[in-house]
Amino acid sequence: MSFTELLKTERHIVVSVDSVKGTVRLKSAAEACTDVSCSDQTLVVSDEGTRADLALLNAGDIVRLEGSQSRPDRIVVVRRVWDELSSPEW
């Protein structure tokens, strides 16, 4: 697997966030959606900081999971939805 293919398989797009249930629906590069369960110890890491809740996530953000794919230890925001929409690639 090439580096580019590896990046594509490890990155997901946030479809929705349910803070009450502690779940995040993610879409993979293969266009398949998966619900991920998050615990109280799951950390969300972004440029704005690190928090142990899902408040830092927005629909459309591109994220990478660390730890188990079904119950990650960390969710790292790779690119914000508003950065994606303002990209010169558009």
N, C-alpha and C. Protein backbone atom coordinates (compact mmCIF):
# COMPACT_ATOMS: atom_id res chain seq x y z
N MET A 1 0.84 -1.17 0.00
CA MET A 1 0.00 0.00 0.00
C MET A 1 0.89 1.25 0.00
N SER A 2 0.61 2.17 -0.88
CA SER A 2 1.41 3.39 -0.96
C SER A 2 1.07 4.32 0.21
N PHE A 3 1.90 5.32 0.41
CA PHE A 3 1.69 6.28 1.49
C PHE A 3 0.36 7.01 1.32
N THR A 4 0.05 7.40 0.08
CA THR A 4 -1.21 8.11 -0.20
C THR A 4 -2.41 7.22 0.10
N GLU A 5 -2.33 5.95 -0.30
CA GLU A 5 -3.42 5.03 -0.03
C GLU A 5 -3.58 4.80 1.47
N LEU A 6 -2.47 4.73 2.18
CA LEU A 6 -2.51 4.56 3.63
C LEU A 6 -3.20 5.75 4.30
N LEU A 7 -2.87 6.97 3.86
CA LEU A 7 -3.51 8.16 4.41
C LEU A 7 -5.02 8.13 4.16
N LYS A 8 -5.42 7.73 2.96
CA LYS A 8 -6.85 7.69 2.63
C LYS A 8 -7.60 6.69 3.50
N THR A 9 -6.99 5.55 3.78
CA THR A 9 -7.68 4.53 4.57
C THR A 9 -7.73 4.89 6.05
N GLU A 10 -6.82 5.73 6.52
CA GLU A 10 -6.80 6.10 7.93
C GLU A 10 -7.62 7.35 8.23
N ARG A 11 -8.04 8.07 7.23
CA ARG A 11 -8.81 9.30 7.44
C ARG A 11 -10.29 9.05 7.22
N HIS A 12 -11.09 9.74 8.01
CA HIS A 12 -12.54 9.60 7.95
C HIS A 12 -13.17 10.99 7.98
N ILE A 13 -14.36 11.10 7.45
CA ILE A 13 -15.12 12.35 7.50
C ILE A 13 -16.22 12.19 8.54
N VAL A 14 -16.33 13.16 9.45
CA VAL A 14 -17.38 13.14 10.46
C VAL A 14 -18.71 13.45 9.77
N VAL A 15 -19.66 12.55 9.92
CA VAL A 15 -21.00 12.73 9.36
C VAL A 15 -21.91 13.37 10.41
N SER A 16 -21.84 12.85 11.63
CA SER A 16 -22.65 13.41 12.72
C SER A 16 -22.01 13.07 14.06
N VAL A 17 -22.37 13.86 15.07
CA VAL A 17 -21.86 13.67 16.42
C VAL A 17 -23.04 13.64 17.37
N ASP A 18 -23.12 12.62 18.21
CA ASP A 18 -24.15 12.53 19.24
C ASP A 18 -23.45 12.54 20.59
N SER A 19 -23.34 13.72 21.18
CA SER A 19 -22.64 13.88 22.45
C SER A 19 -23.34 13.15 23.59
N VAL A 20 -24.66 13.06 23.53
CA VAL A 20 -25.42 12.40 24.60
C VAL A 20 -25.11 10.91 24.63
N LYS A 21 -25.14 10.27 23.46
CA LYS A 21 -24.85 8.83 23.38
C LYS A 21 -23.35 8.54 23.34
N GLY A 22 -22.54 9.55 23.05
CA GLY A 22 -21.10 9.35 22.97
C GLY A 22 -20.68 8.62 21.71
N THR A 23 -21.38 8.91 20.60
CA THR A 23 -21.05 8.25 19.34
C THR A 23 -20.76 9.28 18.25
N VAL A 24 -19.95 8.84 17.31
CA VAL A 24 -19.62 9.65 16.15
C VAL A 24 -19.84 8.78 14.92
N ARG A 25 -20.58 9.28 13.95
CA ARG A 25 -20.75 8.56 12.68
C ARG A 25 -19.69 9.08 11.72
N LEU A 26 -18.91 8.14 11.17
CA LEU A 26 -17.81 8.48 10.27
C LEU A 26 -18.01 7.84 8.91
N LYS A 27 -17.55 8.55 7.87
CA LYS A 27 -17.58 8.01 6.50
C LYS A 27 -16.15 7.76 6.08
N SER A 28 -15.88 6.56 5.59
CA SER A 28 -14.54 6.19 5.15
C SER A 28 -14.32 6.59 3.70
N ALA A 29 -13.10 6.39 3.22
CA ALA A 29 -12.77 6.67 1.82
C ALA A 29 -13.59 5.79 0.89
N ALA A 30 -14.04 4.63 1.38
CA ALA A 30 -14.85 3.72 0.58
C ALA A 30 -16.33 4.10 0.61
N GLU A 31 -16.65 5.29 1.20
CA GLU A 31 -18.01 5.81 1.28
C GLU A 31 -18.91 5.01 2.21
N ALA A 32 -18.33 4.17 3.08
CA ALA A 32 -19.11 3.41 4.05
C ALA A 32 -19.15 4.16 5.37
N CYS A 33 -20.32 4.19 6.00
CA CYS A 33 -20.46 4.87 7.29
C CYS A 33 -20.37 3.87 8.43
N THR A 34 -19.74 4.31 9.51
CA THR A 34 -19.56 3.50 10.70
C THR A 34 -19.83 4.36 11.92
N ASP A 35 -20.51 3.78 12.90
CA ASP A 35 -20.71 4.47 14.18
C ASP A 35 -19.60 4.04 15.13
N VAL A 36 -18.96 5.03 15.75
CA VAL A 36 -17.86 4.79 16.67
C VAL A 36 -18.32 5.19 18.06
N SER A 37 -18.13 4.30 19.03
CA SER A 37 -18.48 4.59 20.42
C SER A 37 -17.29 5.21 21.12
N CYS A 38 -17.55 6.27 21.87
CA CYS A 38 -16.48 6.96 22.59
C CYS A 38 -16.74 6.87 24.09
N SER A 39 -15.68 6.66 24.85
CA SER A 39 -15.80 6.62 26.30
C SER A 39 -15.49 7.99 26.88
N ASP A 40 -15.58 8.09 28.19
CA ASP A 40 -15.24 9.35 28.87
C ASP A 40 -13.76 9.65 28.75
N GLN A 41 -12.95 8.63 28.45
CA GLN A 41 -11.51 8.81 28.33
C GLN A 41 -11.06 9.10 26.89
N THR A 42 -11.99 9.04 25.93
CA THR A 42 -11.63 9.34 24.55
C THR A 42 -11.28 10.81 24.43
N LEU A 43 -10.09 11.09 23.93
CA LEU A 43 -9.65 12.47 23.77
C LEU A 43 -9.86 12.92 22.33
N VAL A 44 -10.35 14.14 22.17
CA VAL A 44 -10.46 14.76 20.85
C VAL A 44 -9.36 15.82 20.79
N VAL A 45 -8.49 15.70 19.79
CA VAL A 45 -7.34 16.59 19.65
C VAL A 45 -7.53 17.43 18.40
N SER A 46 -7.43 18.77 18.57
CA SER A 46 -7.53 19.69 17.43
C SER A 46 -6.61 20.86 17.68
N ASP A 47 -6.57 21.79 16.73
CA ASP A 47 -5.77 23.01 16.91
C ASP A 47 -6.28 23.84 18.08
N GLU A 48 -7.57 23.70 18.41
CA GLU A 48 -8.16 24.47 19.50
C GLU A 48 -7.82 23.90 20.87
N GLY A 49 -7.30 22.68 20.92
CA GLY A 49 -6.95 22.06 22.19
C GLY A 49 -7.30 20.60 22.23
N THR A 50 -7.24 20.03 23.43
CA THR A 50 -7.55 18.63 23.65
C THR A 50 -8.62 18.55 24.73
N ARG A 51 -9.67 17.79 24.44
CA ARG A 51 -10.77 17.66 25.40
C ARG A 51 -11.23 16.21 25.46
N ALA A 52 -11.80 15.85 26.60
CA ALA A 52 -12.33 14.50 26.78
C ALA A 52 -13.84 14.47 26.53
N ASP A 53 -14.27 15.21 25.52
CA ASP A 53 -15.67 15.15 25.08
C ASP A 53 -15.70 15.40 23.58
N LEU A 54 -16.87 15.32 23.00
CA LEU A 54 -16.99 15.40 21.54
C LEU A 54 -17.31 16.81 21.05
N ALA A 55 -17.26 17.80 21.93
CA ALA A 55 -17.64 19.17 21.57
C ALA A 55 -16.74 19.79 20.52
N LEU A 56 -15.52 19.30 20.36
CA LEU A 56 -14.60 19.86 19.37
C LEU A 56 -14.85 19.35 17.95
N LEU A 57 -15.74 18.35 17.80
CA LEU A 57 -15.98 17.77 16.48
C LEU A 57 -17.16 18.43 15.79
N ASN A 58 -17.04 18.57 14.46
CA ASN A 58 -18.11 19.13 13.62
C ASN A 58 -18.33 18.21 12.43
N ALA A 59 -19.56 18.15 11.97
CA ALA A 59 -19.84 17.39 10.76
C ALA A 59 -19.01 17.96 9.61
N GLY A 60 -18.34 17.10 8.87
CA GLY A 60 -17.50 17.52 7.76
C GLY A 60 -16.02 17.55 8.08
N ASP A 61 -15.67 17.52 9.38
CA ASP A 61 -14.25 17.48 9.76
C ASP A 61 -13.62 16.17 9.27
N ILE A 62 -12.37 16.25 8.90
CA ILE A 62 -11.60 15.06 8.54
C ILE A 62 -10.79 14.66 9.76
N VAL A 63 -10.93 13.40 10.18
CA VAL A 63 -10.30 12.94 11.41
C VAL A 63 -9.53 11.65 11.18
N ARG A 64 -8.65 11.37 12.14
CA ARG A 64 -7.89 10.12 12.18
C ARG A 64 -8.12 9.51 13.56
N LEU A 65 -8.34 8.20 13.60
CA LEU A 65 -8.58 7.51 14.86
C LEU A 65 -7.29 6.87 15.35
N GLU A 66 -7.06 6.92 16.66
CA GLU A 66 -5.93 6.24 17.28
C GLU A 66 -6.47 5.25 18.29
N GLY A 67 -5.94 4.06 18.26
CA GLY A 67 -6.45 2.98 19.12
C GLY A 67 -7.43 2.14 18.32
N SER A 68 -8.36 1.53 19.01
CA SER A 68 -9.37 0.69 18.37
C SER A 68 -10.22 1.50 17.41
N GLN A 69 -10.51 0.95 16.25
CA GLN A 69 -11.34 1.64 15.27
C GLN A 69 -12.80 1.73 15.71
N SER A 70 -13.25 0.83 16.59
CA SER A 70 -14.64 0.88 17.05
C SER A 70 -14.80 1.64 18.36
N ARG A 71 -13.70 1.79 19.11
CA ARG A 71 -13.71 2.52 20.39
C ARG A 71 -12.35 3.19 20.57
N PRO A 72 -12.13 4.30 19.86
CA PRO A 72 -10.79 4.92 19.82
C PRO A 72 -10.38 5.57 21.15
N ASP A 73 -9.06 5.60 21.37
CA ASP A 73 -8.49 6.32 22.52
C ASP A 73 -8.43 7.81 22.23
N ARG A 74 -8.12 8.13 20.95
CA ARG A 74 -8.02 9.54 20.54
C ARG A 74 -8.62 9.71 19.16
N ILE A 75 -9.26 10.86 18.96
CA ILE A 75 -9.74 11.27 17.65
C ILE A 75 -9.00 12.56 17.32
N VAL A 76 -8.20 12.52 16.28
CA VAL A 76 -7.37 13.67 15.91
C VAL A 76 -8.00 14.37 14.71
N VAL A 77 -8.30 15.65 14.85
CA VAL A 77 -8.86 16.43 13.74
C VAL A 77 -7.70 16.79 12.81
N VAL A 78 -7.74 16.24 11.61
CA VAL A 78 -6.70 16.49 10.61
C VAL A 78 -6.97 17.78 9.85
N ARG A 79 -8.23 17.99 9.51
CA ARG A 79 -8.62 19.19 8.76
C ARG A 79 -10.05 19.55 9.10
N ARG A 80 -10.30 20.81 9.36
CA ARG A 80 -11.63 21.29 9.68
C ARG A 80 -12.47 21.43 8.42
N VAL A 81 -13.78 21.29 8.58
CA VAL A 81 -14.70 21.40 7.46
C VAL A 81 -14.57 22.77 6.81
N TRP A 82 -14.42 23.84 7.59
CA TRP A 82 -14.33 25.17 7.00
C TRP A 82 -13.02 25.37 6.27
N ASP A 83 -11.96 24.65 6.64
CA ASP A 83 -10.70 24.70 5.89
C ASP A 83 -10.85 23.98 4.56
N GLU A 84 -11.59 22.90 4.57
CA GLU A 84 -11.83 22.13 3.35
C GLU A 84 -12.62 22.96 2.34
N LEU A 85 -13.64 23.67 2.82
CA LEU A 85 -14.50 24.45 1.92
C LEU A 85 -13.82 25.71 1.40
N SER A 86 -12.82 26.22 2.13
CA SER A 86 -12.12 27.43 1.67
C SER A 86 -10.81 27.12 0.95
N SER A 87 -10.57 25.86 0.69
CA SER A 87 -9.34 25.44 0.04
C SER A 87 -9.26 25.96 -1.39
N PRO A 88 -8.06 26.35 -1.85
CA PRO A 88 -7.92 26.82 -3.23
C PRO A 88 -8.17 25.73 -4.26
N GLU A 89 -8.26 24.47 -3.80
CA GLU A 89 -8.55 23.35 -4.72
C GLU A 89 -9.95 23.46 -5.28
N TRP A 90 -10.84 24.19 -4.61
CA TRP A 90 -12.21 24.35 -5.10
C TRP A 90 -12.19 25.36 -6.19
